Amino acid sequence: MKLKRIATITATCGLIAGALVTATMAQGSAAPAQRAAACQNVNVTLYPGSQLTPRYGEWSIDALVCPTKKPSSWKTQTSVELNATASNLALTVLDEPTLSITETGTNQWNNYARYEATFKSQSCTPKVGWPCWSTNTWKASLTITADKKTREVKTYVQKKQVPPTFALWSTP
């Protein structure tokens, strides 16, 4: 009788322990998948400047990438903030910067979107602010990919187009 009770208690404890291990493993394997499926904020920061002097500010390009959604639905925004160096040189941003989709798609490995970011600046006489003599266009092309299997998001800056004597830096 005692042996039967001990065997029953041991079997019950074994079942409970097995259930706990299974539940823990299920939770552990579900957590990374849930995190990977979540939307990720991607930021590309470029630094306008000249080839000889310090940077003039910061150009931020942001995208909220949801790997399980169509690339055309990813939310994007861009902004340019110029610093005191740009102000001293009377360099100003003319209009709000734009970020337009040039292509979206999907292949067997990933979802992707290609973007062209643009802003216009104007150079004027320092301190006075006029006359202004040149309007310049700054462009950057980039691709954002979201891996279908791992949900990993990557960003690739392909092309930077800047006015003569200016530069677009990847570091501050």
Foldseek 3Di string as FASTA:
>chain_A
DVVVVVVVVVVVVVVVVVVVVVVVVVVVVVVLVVVLQAWDKDKAKKFKFFPPDDTFWIKIKIWTGRFVDAPVPIDIAIATDTDVVCLQQLKAWDDGKDKDWPDWDADPWWTKTKIKIKTKIWTAHGPVNDDTDDIWMKIWIKMWIQTNPNRDIDIDTDDIDTDPRMDMGRDD
